[in-house]
PDB file of all heavy atoms in Angstrom:
ATOM      1  N   SER A   1      72.081 136.645  99.224  1.00  0.00           N
ATOM      2  CA  SER A   1      72.915 136.017  98.219  1.00  0.00           C
ATOM      3  C   SER A   1      72.749 134.503  98.240  1.00  0.00           C
ATOM      4  O   SER A   1      72.873 133.873  99.294  1.00  0.00           O
ATOM      5  CB  SER A   1      74.385 136.372  98.472  1.00  0.00           C
ATOM      6  OG  SER A   1      75.223 135.615  97.623  1.00  0.00           O
ATOM      7  N   LEU A   2      72.490 133.927  97.073  1.00  0.00           N
ATOM      8  CA  LEU A   2      72.384 132.473  96.973  1.00  0.00           C
ATOM      9  C   LEU A   2      73.671 131.782  97.403  1.00  0.00           C
ATOM     10  O   LEU A   2      73.643 130.647  97.883  1.00  0.00           O
ATOM     11  CB  LEU A   2      72.039 132.063  95.541  1.00  0.00           C
ATOM     12  CG  LEU A   2      70.611 132.319  95.065  1.00  0.00           C
ATOM     13  CD1 LEU A   2      70.487 131.964  93.589  1.00  0.00           C
ATOM     14  CD2 LEU A   2      69.597 131.559  95.893  1.00  0.00           C
ATOM     15  N   ASN A   3      74.789 132.459  97.246  1.00  0.00           N
ATOM     16  CA  ASN A   3      76.073 131.849  97.593  1.00  0.00           C
ATOM     17  C   ASN A   3      76.176 131.557  99.088  1.00  0.00           C
ATOM     18  O   ASN A   3      76.964 130.710  99.494  1.00  0.00           O
ATOM     19  CB  ASN A   3      77.213 132.787  97.165  1.00  0.00           C
ATOM     20  CG  ASN A   3      78.560 132.089  97.149  1.00  0.00           C
ATOM     21  OD1 ASN A   3      78.696 131.011  96.610  1.00  0.00           O
ATOM     22  ND2 ASN A   3      79.556 132.714  97.763  1.00  0.00           N
ATOM     23  N   GLY A   4      75.359 132.209  99.882  1.00  0.00           N
ATOM     24  CA  GLY A   4      75.416 132.017 101.321  1.00  0.00           C
ATOM     25  C   GLY A   4      74.569 130.878 101.848  1.00  0.00           C
ATOM     26  O   GLY A   4      74.519 130.655 103.060  1.00  0.00           O
ATOM     27  N   GLY A   5      73.927 130.145 100.965  1.00  0.00           N
ATOM     28  CA  GLY A   5      73.080 129.055 101.425  1.00  0.00           C
ATOM     29  C   GLY A   5      73.006 127.930 100.429  1.00  0.00           C
ATOM     30  O   GLY A   5      73.686 127.931  99.400  1.00  0.00           O
ATOM     31  N   ALA A   6      72.175 126.962 100.726  1.00  0.00           N
ATOM     32  CA  ALA A   6      71.919 125.868  99.799  1.00  0.00           C
ATOM     33  C   ALA A   6      70.805 126.281  98.851  1.00  0.00           C
ATOM     34  O   ALA A   6      69.892 127.008  99.229  1.00  0.00           O
ATOM     35  CB  ALA A   6      71.518 124.613 100.560  1.00  0.00           C
ATOM     36  N   LYS A   7      70.875 125.818  97.620  1.00  0.00           N
ATOM     37  CA  LYS A   7      69.851 126.115  96.622  1.00  0.00           C
ATOM     38  C   LYS A   7      69.638 124.874  95.786  1.00  0.00           C
ATOM     39  O   LYS A   7      70.588 124.143  95.518  1.00  0.00           O
ATOM     40  CB  LYS A   7      70.201 127.322  95.739  1.00  0.00           C
ATOM     41  CG  LYS A   7      71.624 127.350  95.236  1.00  0.00           C
ATOM     42  CD  LYS A   7      72.601 127.933  96.274  1.00  0.00           C
ATOM     43  CE  LYS A   7      74.029 127.959  95.772  1.00  0.00           C
ATOM     44  NZ  LYS A   7      74.999 128.249  96.849  1.00  0.00           N
ATOM     45  N   ALA A   8      68.414 124.693  95.367  1.00  0.00           N
ATOM     46  CA  ALA A   8      68.083 123.429  94.731  1.00  0.00           C
ATOM     47  C   ALA A   8      66.949 123.582  93.745  1.00  0.00           C
ATOM     48  O   ALA A   8      66.211 124.568  93.748  1.00  0.00           O
ATOM     49  CB  ALA A   8      67.697 122.398  95.792  1.00  0.00           C
ATOM     50  N   TRP A   9      66.818 122.555  92.929  1.00  0.00           N
ATOM     51  CA  TRP A   9      65.676 122.380  92.031  1.00  0.00           C
ATOM     52  C   TRP A   9      64.944 121.115  92.443  1.00  0.00           C
ATOM     53  O   TRP A   9      65.565 120.083  92.687  1.00  0.00           O
ATOM     54  CB  TRP A   9      66.129 122.258  90.581  1.00  0.00           C
ATOM     55  CG  TRP A   9      66.669 123.523  90.005  1.00  0.00           C
ATOM     56  CD1 TRP A   9      67.979 123.894  89.915  1.00  0.00           C
ATOM     57  CD2 TRP A   9      65.925 124.594  89.421  1.00  0.00           C
ATOM     58  NE1 TRP A   9      68.089 125.130  89.318  1.00  0.00           N
ATOM     59  CE2 TRP A   9      66.837 125.581  89.010  1.00  0.00           C
ATOM     60  CE3 TRP A   9      64.560 124.823  89.212  1.00  0.00           C
ATOM     61  CZ2 TRP A   9      66.441 126.775  88.385  1.00  0.00           C
ATOM     62  CZ3 TRP A   9      64.161 126.006  88.603  1.00  0.00           C
ATOM     63  CH2 TRP A   9      65.106 126.973  88.194  1.00  0.00           C
ATOM     64  N   PHE A  10      63.632 121.229  92.503  1.00  0.00           N
ATOM     65  CA  PHE A  10      62.745 120.099  92.719  1.00  0.00           C
ATOM     66  C   PHE A  10      61.721 120.089  91.581  1.00  0.00           C
ATOM     67  O   PHE A  10      61.575 121.083  90.863  1.00  0.00           O
ATOM     68  CB  PHE A  10      62.006 120.210  94.065  1.00  0.00           C
ATOM     69  CG  PHE A  10      62.883 119.988  95.261  1.00  0.00           C
ATOM     70  CD1 PHE A  10      63.726 121.000  95.726  1.00  0.00           C
ATOM     71  CD2 PHE A  10      62.878 118.784  95.941  1.00  0.00           C
ATOM     72  CE1 PHE A  10      64.545 120.810  96.834  1.00  0.00           C
ATOM     73  CE2 PHE A  10      63.682 118.577  97.058  1.00  0.00           C
ATOM     74  CZ  PHE A  10      64.509 119.593  97.503  1.00  0.00           C
ATOM     75  N   ARG A  11      61.013 118.997  91.443  1.00  0.00           N
ATOM     76  CA  ARG A  11      59.959 118.955  90.431  1.00  0.00           C
ATOM     77  C   ARG A  11      58.802 118.086  90.919  1.00  0.00           C
ATOM     78  O   ARG A  11      58.987 117.215  91.752  1.00  0.00           O
ATOM     79  CB  ARG A  11      60.484 118.423  89.095  1.00  0.00           C
ATOM     80  CG  ARG A  11      60.916 116.947  89.112  1.00  0.00           C
ATOM     81  CD  ARG A  11      61.537 116.571  87.773  1.00  0.00           C
ATOM     82  NE  ARG A  11      61.925 115.162  87.734  1.00  0.00           N
ATOM     83  CZ  ARG A  11      62.572 114.604  86.717  1.00  0.00           C
ATOM     84  NH1 ARG A  11      62.914 115.323  85.657  1.00  0.00           N
ATOM     85  NH2 ARG A  11      62.878 113.326  86.754  1.00  0.00           N
ATOM     86  N   ARG A  12      57.627 118.367  90.392  1.00  0.00           N
ATOM     87  CA  ARG A  12      56.441 117.568  90.699  1.00  0.00           C
ATOM     88  C   ARG A  12      55.771 117.209  89.392  1.00  0.00           C
ATOM     89  O   ARG A  12      55.249 118.090  88.687  1.00  0.00           O
ATOM     90  CB  ARG A  12      55.473 118.326  91.595  1.00  0.00           C
ATOM     91  CG  ARG A  12      54.304 117.455  92.067  1.00  0.00           C
ATOM     92  CD  ARG A  12      53.221 118.287  92.731  1.00  0.00           C
ATOM     93  NE  ARG A  12      53.716 119.014  93.898  1.00  0.00           N
ATOM     94  CZ  ARG A  12      53.753 118.502  95.128  1.00  0.00           C
ATOM     95  NH1 ARG A  12      53.309 117.291  95.345  1.00  0.00           N
ATOM     96  NH2 ARG A  12      54.205 119.226  96.128  1.00  0.00           N
ATOM     97  N   ALA A  13      55.795 115.918  89.066  1.00  0.00           N
ATOM     98  CA  ALA A  13      55.129 115.427  87.862  1.00  0.00           C
ATOM     99  C   ALA A  13      53.653 115.183  88.170  1.00  0.00           C
ATOM    100  O   ALA A  13      53.285 114.997  89.333  1.00  0.00           O
ATOM    101  CB  ALA A  13      55.791 114.140  87.406  1.00  0.00           C
ATOM    102  N   PRO A  14      52.805 115.169  87.161  1.00  0.00           N
ATOM    103  CA  PRO A  14      51.373 114.932  87.378  1.00  0.00           C
ATOM    104  C   PRO A  14      51.124 113.637  88.135  1.00  0.00           C
ATOM    105  O   PRO A  14      51.631 112.580  87.751  1.00  0.00           O
ATOM    106  CB  PRO A  14      50.809 114.863  85.958  1.00  0.00           C
ATOM    107  CG  PRO A  14      51.757 115.666  85.146  1.00  0.00           C
ATOM    108  CD  PRO A  14      53.120 115.428  85.740  1.00  0.00           C
ATOM    109  N   GLY A  15      50.380 113.723  89.230  1.00  0.00           N
ATOM    110  CA  GLY A  15      50.029 112.540  90.001  1.00  0.00           C
ATOM    111  C   GLY A  15      51.141 111.980  90.860  1.00  0.00           C
ATOM    112  O   GLY A  15      50.991 110.906  91.442  1.00  0.00           O
ATOM    113  N   LYS A  16      52.253 112.687  90.965  1.00  0.00           N
ATOM    114  CA  LYS A  16      53.388 112.185  91.742  1.00  0.00           C
ATOM    115  C   LYS A  16      53.778 113.178  92.822  1.00  0.00           C
ATOM    116  O   LYS A  16      53.406 114.347  92.777  1.00  0.00           O
ATOM    117  CB  LYS A  16      54.577 111.902  90.835  1.00  0.00           C
ATOM    118  CG  LYS A  16      54.342 110.790  89.823  1.00  0.00           C
ATOM    119  CD  LYS A  16      55.609 110.469  89.058  1.00  0.00           C
ATOM    120  CE  LYS A  16      55.391 109.328  88.084  1.00  0.00           C
ATOM    121  NZ  LYS A  16      56.644 109.002  87.338  1.00  0.00           N
ATOM    122  N   ASP A  17      54.568 112.709  93.784  1.00  0.00           N
ATOM    123  CA  ASP A  17      55.069 113.580  94.824  1.00  0.00           C
ATOM    124  C   ASP A  17      56.207 114.448  94.278  1.00  0.00           C
ATOM    125  O   ASP A  17      56.844 114.119  93.281  1.00  0.00           O
ATOM    126  CB  ASP A  17      55.594 112.757  96.003  1.00  0.00           C
ATOM    127  CG  ASP A  17      54.489 112.010  96.723  1.00  0.00           C
ATOM    128  OD1 ASP A  17      53.333 112.497  96.703  1.00  0.00           O
ATOM    129  OD2 ASP A  17      54.789 110.945  97.311  1.00  0.00           O
ATOM    130  N   ARG A  18      56.464 115.539  94.992  1.00  0.00           N
ATOM    131  CA  ARG A  18      57.591 116.373  94.618  1.00  0.00           C
ATOM    132  C   ARG A  18      58.884 115.591  94.819  1.00  0.00           C
ATOM    133  O   ARG A  18      59.051 114.887  95.817  1.00  0.00           O
ATOM    134  CB  ARG A  18      57.588 117.635  95.474  1.00  0.00           C
ATOM    135  CG  ARG A  18      58.676 118.629  95.144  1.00  0.00           C
ATOM    136  CD  ARG A  18      58.474 119.934  95.898  1.00  0.00           C
ATOM    137  NE  ARG A  18      58.402 119.723  97.330  1.00  0.00           N
ATOM    138  CZ  ARG A  18      57.995 120.649  98.184  1.00  0.00           C
ATOM    139  NH1 ARG A  18      57.623 121.834  97.745  1.00  0.00           N
ATOM    140  NH2 ARG A  18      57.958 120.401  99.479  1.00  0.00           N
ATOM    141  N   GLU A  19      59.809 115.740  93.861  1.00  0.00           N
ATOM    142  CA  GLU A  19      61.053 115.002  93.968  1.00  0.00           C
ATOM    143  C   GLU A  19      62.248 115.929  93.750  1.00  0.00           C
ATOM    144  O   GLU A  19      62.168 116.927  93.034  1.00  0.00           O
ATOM    145  CB  GLU A  19      61.112 113.845  92.953  1.00  0.00           C
ATOM    146  CG  GLU A  19      61.159 114.260  91.512  1.00  0.00           C
ATOM    147  CD  GLU A  19      61.409 113.086  90.569  1.00  0.00           C
ATOM    148  OE1 GLU A  19      61.682 111.973  91.036  1.00  0.00           O
ATOM    149  OE2 GLU A  19      61.341 113.314  89.348  1.00  0.00           O
ATOM    150  N   PHE A  20      63.347 115.546  94.374  1.00  0.00           N
ATOM    151  CA  PHE A  20      64.590 116.292  94.271  1.00  0.00           C
ATOM    152  C   PHE A  20      65.182 116.126  92.877  1.00  0.00           C
ATOM    153  O   PHE A  20      65.155 115.022  92.304  1.00  0.00           O
ATOM    154  CB  PHE A  20      65.566 115.782  95.328  1.00  0.00           C
ATOM    155  CG  PHE A  20      66.973 116.279  95.170  1.00  0.00           C
ATOM    156  CD1 PHE A  20      67.290 117.585  95.505  1.00  0.00           C
ATOM    157  CD2 PHE A  20      67.958 115.455  94.680  1.00  0.00           C
ATOM    158  CE1 PHE A  20      68.593 118.054  95.355  1.00  0.00           C
ATOM    159  CE2 PHE A  20      69.254 115.900  94.531  1.00  0.00           C
ATOM    160  CZ  PHE A  20      69.569 117.201  94.868  1.00  0.00           C
ATOM    161  N   VAL A  21      65.771 117.216  92.352  1.00  0.00           N
ATOM    162  CA  VAL A  21      66.420 117.167  91.042  1.00  0.00           C
ATOM    163  C   VAL A  21      67.920 117.416  91.184  1.00  0.00           C
ATOM    164  O   VAL A  21      68.746 116.592  90.797  1.00  0.00           O
ATOM    165  CB  VAL A  21      65.796 118.185  90.083  1.00  0.00           C
ATOM    166  CG1 VAL A  21      66.556 118.219  88.761  1.00  0.00           C
ATOM    167  CG2 VAL A  21      64.322 117.880  89.844  1.00  0.00           C
ATOM    168  N   ALA A  22      68.287 118.565  91.729  1.00  0.00           N
ATOM    169  CA  ALA A  22      69.699 118.914  91.856  1.00  0.00           C
ATOM    170  C   ALA A  22      69.853 120.027  92.872  1.00  0.00           C
ATOM    171  O   ALA A  22      68.919 120.796  93.098  1.00  0.00           O
ATOM    172  CB  ALA A  22      70.274 119.356  90.509  1.00  0.00           C
ATOM    173  N   ALA A  23      71.039 120.116  93.473  1.00  0.00           N
ATOM    174  CA  ALA A  23      71.283 121.149  94.470  1.00  0.00           C
ATOM    175  C   ALA A  23      72.751 121.536  94.499  1.00  0.00           C
ATOM    176  O   ALA A  23      73.627 120.757  94.104  1.00  0.00           O
ATOM    177  CB  ALA A  23      70.857 120.671  95.859  1.00  0.00           C
ATOM    178  N   SER A  24      72.990 122.730  94.996  1.00  0.00           N
ATOM    179  CA  SER A  24      74.343 123.228  95.228  1.00  0.00           C
ATOM    180  C   SER A  24      74.380 123.764  96.653  1.00  0.00           C
ATOM    181  O   SER A  24      73.496 124.522  97.058  1.00  0.00           O
ATOM    182  CB  SER A  24      74.686 124.339  94.228  1.00  0.00           C
ATOM    183  OG  SER A  24      75.947 124.905  94.520  1.00  0.00           O
ATOM    184  N   THR A  25      75.377 123.349  97.417  1.00  0.00           N
ATOM    185  CA  THR A  25      75.431 123.766  98.814  1.00  0.00           C
ATOM    186  C   THR A  25      76.062 125.146  98.960  1.00  0.00           C
ATOM    187  O   THR A  25      76.491 125.758  97.981  1.00  0.00           O
ATOM    188  CB  THR A  25      76.223 122.740  99.632  1.00  0.00           C
ATOM    189  OG1 THR A  25      77.553 122.641  99.105  1.00  0.00           O
ATOM    190  CG2 THR A  25      75.558 121.373  99.581  1.00  0.00           C
ATOM    191  N   ARG A  26      76.145 125.607 100.187  1.00  0.00           N
ATOM    192  CA  ARG A  26      76.681 126.939 100.469  1.00  0.00           C
ATOM    193  C   ARG A  26      78.079 127.090  99.888  1.00  0.00           C
ATOM    194  O   ARG A  26      78.930 126.224 100.054  1.00  0.00           O
ATOM    195  CB  ARG A  26      76.713 127.174 101.973  1.00  0.00           C
ATOM    196  CG  ARG A  26      77.159 128.565 102.385  1.00  0.00           C
ATOM    197  CD  ARG A  26      77.045 128.790 103.881  1.00  0.00           C
ATOM    198  NE  ARG A  26      77.801 127.829 104.646  1.00  0.00           N
ATOM    199  CZ  ARG A  26      77.264 126.934 105.453  1.00  0.00           C
ATOM    200  NH1 ARG A  26      75.944 126.873 105.601  1.00  0.00           N
ATOM    201  NH2 ARG A  26      78.027 126.096 106.126  1.00  0.00           N
ATOM    202  N   GLY A  27      78.274 128.190  99.163  1.00  0.00           N
ATOM    203  CA  GLY A  27      79.556 128.446  98.535  1.00  0.00           C
ATOM    204  C   GLY A  27      79.853 127.552  97.356  1.00  0.00           C
ATOM    205  O   GLY A  27      80.953 127.598  96.804  1.00  0.00           O
ATOM    206  N   GLY A  28      78.873 126.748  96.946  1.00  0.00           N
ATOM    207  CA  GLY A  28      79.080 125.857  95.812  1.00  0.00           C
ATOM    208  C   GLY A  28      80.050 124.729  96.096  1.00  0.00           C
ATOM    209  O   GLY A  28      80.590 124.128  95.163  1.00  0.00           O
ATOM    210  N   ARG A  29      80.239 124.408  97.377  1.00  0.00           N
ATOM    211  CA  ARG A  29      81.243 123.393  97.724  1.00  0.00           C
ATOM    212  C   ARG A  29      80.847 122.001  97.263  1.00  0.00           C
ATOM    213  O   ARG A  29      81.701 121.169  97.000  1.00  0.00           O
ATOM    214  CB  ARG A  29      81.480 123.410  99.232  1.00  0.00           C
ATOM    215  CG  ARG A  29      82.329 124.581  99.699  1.00  0.00           C
ATOM    216  CD  ARG A  29      82.810 124.381 101.112  1.00  0.00           C
ATOM    217  NE  ARG A  29      81.726 124.524 102.070  1.00  0.00           N
ATOM    218  CZ  ARG A  29      81.394 125.692 102.626  1.00  0.00           C
ATOM    219  NH1 ARG A  29      82.056 126.777 102.311  1.00  0.00           N
ATOM    220  NH2 ARG A  29      80.409 125.766 103.500  1.00  0.00           N
ATOM    221  N   ARG A  30      79.546 121.752  97.169  1.00  0.00           N
ATOM    222  CA  ARG A  30      79.117 120.404  96.766  1.00  0.00           C
ATOM    223  C   ARG A  30      77.898 120.523  95.888  1.00  0.00           C
ATOM    224  O   ARG A  30      76.983 121.313  96.171  1.00  0.00           O
ATOM    225  CB  ARG A  30      78.801 119.567  98.001  1.00  0.00           C
ATOM    226  CG  ARG A  30      78.433 118.121  97.721  1.00  0.00           C
ATOM    227  CD  ARG A  30      78.553 117.287  98.988  1.00  0.00           C
ATOM    228  NE  ARG A  30      77.579 117.653 100.002  1.00  0.00           N
ATOM    229  CZ  ARG A  30      76.541 116.907 100.349  1.00  0.00           C
ATOM    230  NH1 ARG A  30      76.310 115.779  99.730  1.00  0.00           N
ATOM    231  NH2 ARG A  30      75.737 117.283 101.321  1.00  0.00           N
ATOM    232  N   VAL A  31      77.874 119.745  94.833  1.00  0.00           N
ATOM    233  CA  VAL A  31      76.732 119.684  93.925  1.00  0.00           C
ATOM    234  C   VAL A  31      76.226 118.251  93.916  1.00  0.00           C
ATOM    235  O   VAL A  31      77.016 117.313  93.795  1.00  0.00           O
ATOM    236  CB  VAL A  31      77.120 120.121  92.505  1.00  0.00           C
ATOM    237  CG1 VAL A  31      75.951 119.912  91.543  1.00  0.00           C
ATOM    238  CG2 VAL A  31      77.549 121.590  92.499  1.00  0.00           C
ATOM    239  N   VAL A  32      74.935 118.095  94.072  1.00  0.00           N
ATOM    240  CA  VAL A  32      74.345 116.754  94.047  1.00  0.00           C
ATOM    241  C   VAL A  32      73.243 116.711  93.007  1.00  0.00           C
ATOM    242  O   VAL A  32      72.539 117.695  92.785  1.00  0.00           O
ATOM    243  CB  VAL A  32      73.781 116.360  95.435  1.00  0.00           C
ATOM    244  CG1 VAL A  32      74.910 116.198  96.433  1.00  0.00           C
ATOM    245  CG2 VAL A  32      72.787 117.391  95.940  1.00  0.00           C
ATOM    246  N   ASP A  33      73.120 115.566  92.352  1.00  0.00           N
ATOM    247  CA  ASP A  33      72.097 115.365  91.337  1.00  0.00           C
ATOM    248  C   ASP A  33      71.328 114.093  91.635  1.00  0.00           C
ATOM    249  O   ASP A  33      71.895 113.124  92.124  1.00  0.00           O
ATOM    250  CB  ASP A  33      72.726 115.222  89.941  1.00  0.00           C
ATOM    251  CG  ASP A  33      73.589 116.387  89.570  1.00  0.00           C
ATOM    252  OD1 ASP A  33      73.153 117.519  89.783  1.00  0.00           O
ATOM    253  OD2 ASP A  33      74.697 116.165  89.063  1.00  0.00           O
ATOM    254  N   ALA A  34      70.057 114.099  91.292  1.00  0.00           N
ATOM    255  CA  ALA A  34      69.273 112.879  91.407  1.00  0.00           C
ATOM    256  C   ALA A  34      69.690 111.901  90.321  1.00  0.00           C
ATOM    257  O   ALA A  34      70.100 112.305  89.232  1.00  0.00           O
ATOM    258  CB  ALA A  34      67.793 113.212  91.285  1.00  0.00           C
ATOM    259  N   ASP A  35      69.571 110.611  90.588  1.00  0.00           N
ATOM    260  CA  ASP A  35      69.972 109.599  89.611  1.00  0.00           C
ATOM    261  C   ASP A  35      69.211 109.751  88.298  1.00  0.00           C
ATOM    262  O   ASP A  35      69.760 109.513  87.216  1.00  0.00           O
ATOM    263  CB  ASP A  35      69.734 108.196  90.181  1.00  0.00           C
ATOM    264  CG  ASP A  35      70.724 107.844  91.281  1.00  0.00           C
ATOM    265  OD1 ASP A  35      71.769 108.524  91.379  1.00  0.00           O
ATOM    266  OD2 ASP A  35      70.448 106.900  92.044  1.00  0.00           O
ATOM    267  N   ALA A  36      67.957 110.177  88.378  1.00  0.00           N
ATOM    268  CA  ALA A  36      67.123 110.274  87.178  1.00  0.00           C
ATOM    269  C   ALA A  36      67.623 111.326  86.196  1.00  0.00           C
ATOM    270  O   ALA A  36      67.290 111.275  85.009  1.00  0.00           O
ATOM    271  CB  ALA A  36      65.684 110.573  87.574  1.00  0.00           C
ATOM    272  N   VAL A  37      68.422 112.280  86.686  1.00  0.00           N
ATOM    273  CA  VAL A  37      68.864 113.365  85.797  1.00  0.00           C
ATOM    274  C   VAL A  37      70.373 113.418  85.663  1.00  0.00           C
ATOM    275  O   VAL A  37      70.897 114.246  84.911  1.00  0.00           O
ATOM    276  CB  VAL A  37      68.349 114.733  86.307  1.00  0.00           C
ATOM    277  CG1 VAL A  37      66.838 114.700  86.475  1.00  0.00           C
ATOM    278  CG2 VAL A  37      69.030 115.139  87.598  1.00  0.00           C
ATOM    279  N   LYS A  38      71.055 112.514  86.353  1.00  0.00           N
ATOM    280  CA  LYS A  38      72.513 112.534  86.351  1.00  0.00           C
ATOM    281  C   LYS A  38      73.048 112.397  84.927  1.00  0.00           C
ATOM    282  O   LYS A  38      72.622 111.524  84.170  1.00  0.00           O
ATOM    283  CB  LYS A  38      73.058 111.415  87.233  1.00  0.00           C
ATOM    284  CG  LYS A  38      74.484 111.618  87.694  1.00  0.00           C
ATOM    285  CD  LYS A  38      74.893 110.530  88.669  1.00  0.00           C
ATOM    286  CE  LYS A  38      74.103 110.610  89.956  1.00  0.00           C
ATOM    287  NZ  LYS A  38      74.469 111.810  90.758  1.00  0.00           N
ATOM    288  N   GLY A  39      73.964 113.281  84.567  1.00  0.00           N
ATOM    289  CA  GLY A  39      74.543 113.240  83.236  1.00  0.00           C
ATOM    290  C   GLY A  39      73.745 114.013  82.196  1.00  0.00           C
ATOM    291  O   GLY A  39      74.231 114.241  81.086  1.00  0.00           O
ATOM    292  N   ARG A  40      72.512 114.420  82.545  1.00  0.00           N
ATOM    293  CA  ARG A  40      71.680 115.170  81.594  1.00  0.00           C
ATOM    294  C   ARG A  40      71.413 116.597  82.066  1.00  0.00           C
ATOM    295  O   ARG A  40      71.342 117.521  81.257  1.00  0.00           O
ATOM    296  CB  ARG A  40      70.344 114.462  81.390  1.00  0.00           C
ATOM    297  CG  ARG A  40      70.437 113.071  80.793  1.00  0.00           C
ATOM    298  CD  ARG A  40      69.061 112.539  80.435  1.00  0.00           C
ATOM    299  NE  ARG A  40      68.184 112.450  81.595  1.00  0.00           N
ATOM    300  CZ  ARG A  40      66.989 113.043  81.680  1.00  0.00           C
ATOM    301  NH1 ARG A  40      66.535 113.775  80.678  1.00  0.00           N
ATOM    302  NH2 ARG A  40      66.240 112.908  82.769  1.00  0.00           N
ATOM    303  N   PHE A  41      71.249 116.788  83.365  1.00  0.00           N
ATOM    304  CA  PHE A  41      70.940 118.100  83.925  1.00  0.00           C
ATOM    305  C   PHE A  41      72.164 118.659  84.638  1.00  0.00           C
ATOM    306  O   PHE A  41      72.901 117.918  85.301  1.00  0.00           O
ATOM    307  CB  PHE A  41      69.788 118.013  84.923  1.00  0.00           C
ATOM    308  CG  PHE A  41      68.442 117.703  84.343  1.00  0.00           C
ATOM    309  CD1 PHE A  41      68.295 117.284  83.026  1.00  0.00           C
ATOM    310  CD2 PHE A  41      67.299 117.835  85.117  1.00  0.00           C
ATOM    311  CE1 PHE A  41      67.040 116.995  82.490  1.00  0.00           C
ATOM    312  CE2 PHE A  41      66.046 117.557  84.606  1.00  0.00           C
ATOM    313  CZ  PHE A  41      65.913 117.135  83.292  1.00  0.00           C
ATOM    314  N   THR A  42      72.358 119.964  84.527  1.00  0.00           N
ATOM    315  CA  THR A  42      73.484 120.622  85.184  1.00  0.00           C
ATOM    316  C   THR A  42      72.987 121.867  85.911  1.00  0.00           C
ATOM    317  O   THR A  42      72.316 122.713  85.297  1.00  0.00           O
ATOM    318  CB  THR A  42      74.564 121.026  84.175  1.00  0.00           C
ATOM    319  OG1 THR A  42      75.005 119.868  83.454  1.00  0.00           O
ATOM    320  CG2 THR A  42      75.752 121.658  84.886  1.00  0.00           C
ATOM    321  N   ILE A  43      73.331 121.990  87.177  1.00  0.00           N
ATOM    322  CA  ILE A  43      72.988 123.167  87.958  1.00  0.00           C
ATOM    323  C   ILE A  43      74.172 124.125  87.967  1.00  0.00           C
ATOM    324  O   ILE A  43      75.323 123.688  88.028  1.00  0.00           O
ATOM    325  CB  ILE A  43      72.583 122.766  89.398  1.00  0.00           C
ATOM    326  CG1 ILE A  43      71.992 123.953  90.148  1.00  0.00           C
ATOM    327  CG2 ILE A  43      73.751 122.173  90.160  1.00  0.00           C
ATOM    328  CD1 ILE A  43      71.411 123.563  91.514  1.00  0.00           C
ATOM    329  N   SER A  44      73.890 125.407  87.838  1.00  0.00           N
ATOM    330  CA  SER A  44      74.955 126.402  87.888  1.00  0.00           C
ATOM    331  C   SER A  44      74.449 127.662  88.568  1.00  0.00           C
ATOM    332  O   SER A  44      73.243 127.890  88.635  1.00  0.00           O
ATOM    333  CB  SER A  44      75.478 126.715  86.485  1.00  0.00           C
ATOM    334  OG  SER A  44      74.475 127.311  85.698  1.00  0.00           O
ATOM    335  N   ILE A  45      75.387 128.440  89.064  1.00  0.00           N
ATOM    336  CA  ILE A  45      75.047 129.656  89.804  1.00  0.00           C
ATOM    337  C   ILE A  45      75.823 130.833  89.224  1.00  0.00           C
ATOM    338  O   ILE A  45      77.036 130.732  89.001  1.00  0.00           O
ATOM    339  CB  ILE A  45      75.419 129.533  91.299  1.00  0.00           C
ATOM    340  CG1 ILE A  45      74.955 128.191  91.870  1.00  0.00           C
ATOM    341  CG2 ILE A  45      74.833 130.703  92.095  1.00  0.00           C
ATOM    342  CD1 ILE A  45      73.472 127.990  91.886  1.00  0.00           C
TER     343      ILE A  45
END
């Protein structure tokens, strides 16, 4: 179950390193977003 752990989205743009996008911690207690997507991207479970 995803609810029992941390889950996240990352992305890799052409020619760039993989970067963090958004994550939700165990039980959905905390959601974090990268500054580049804050206010535009939403993670849900």
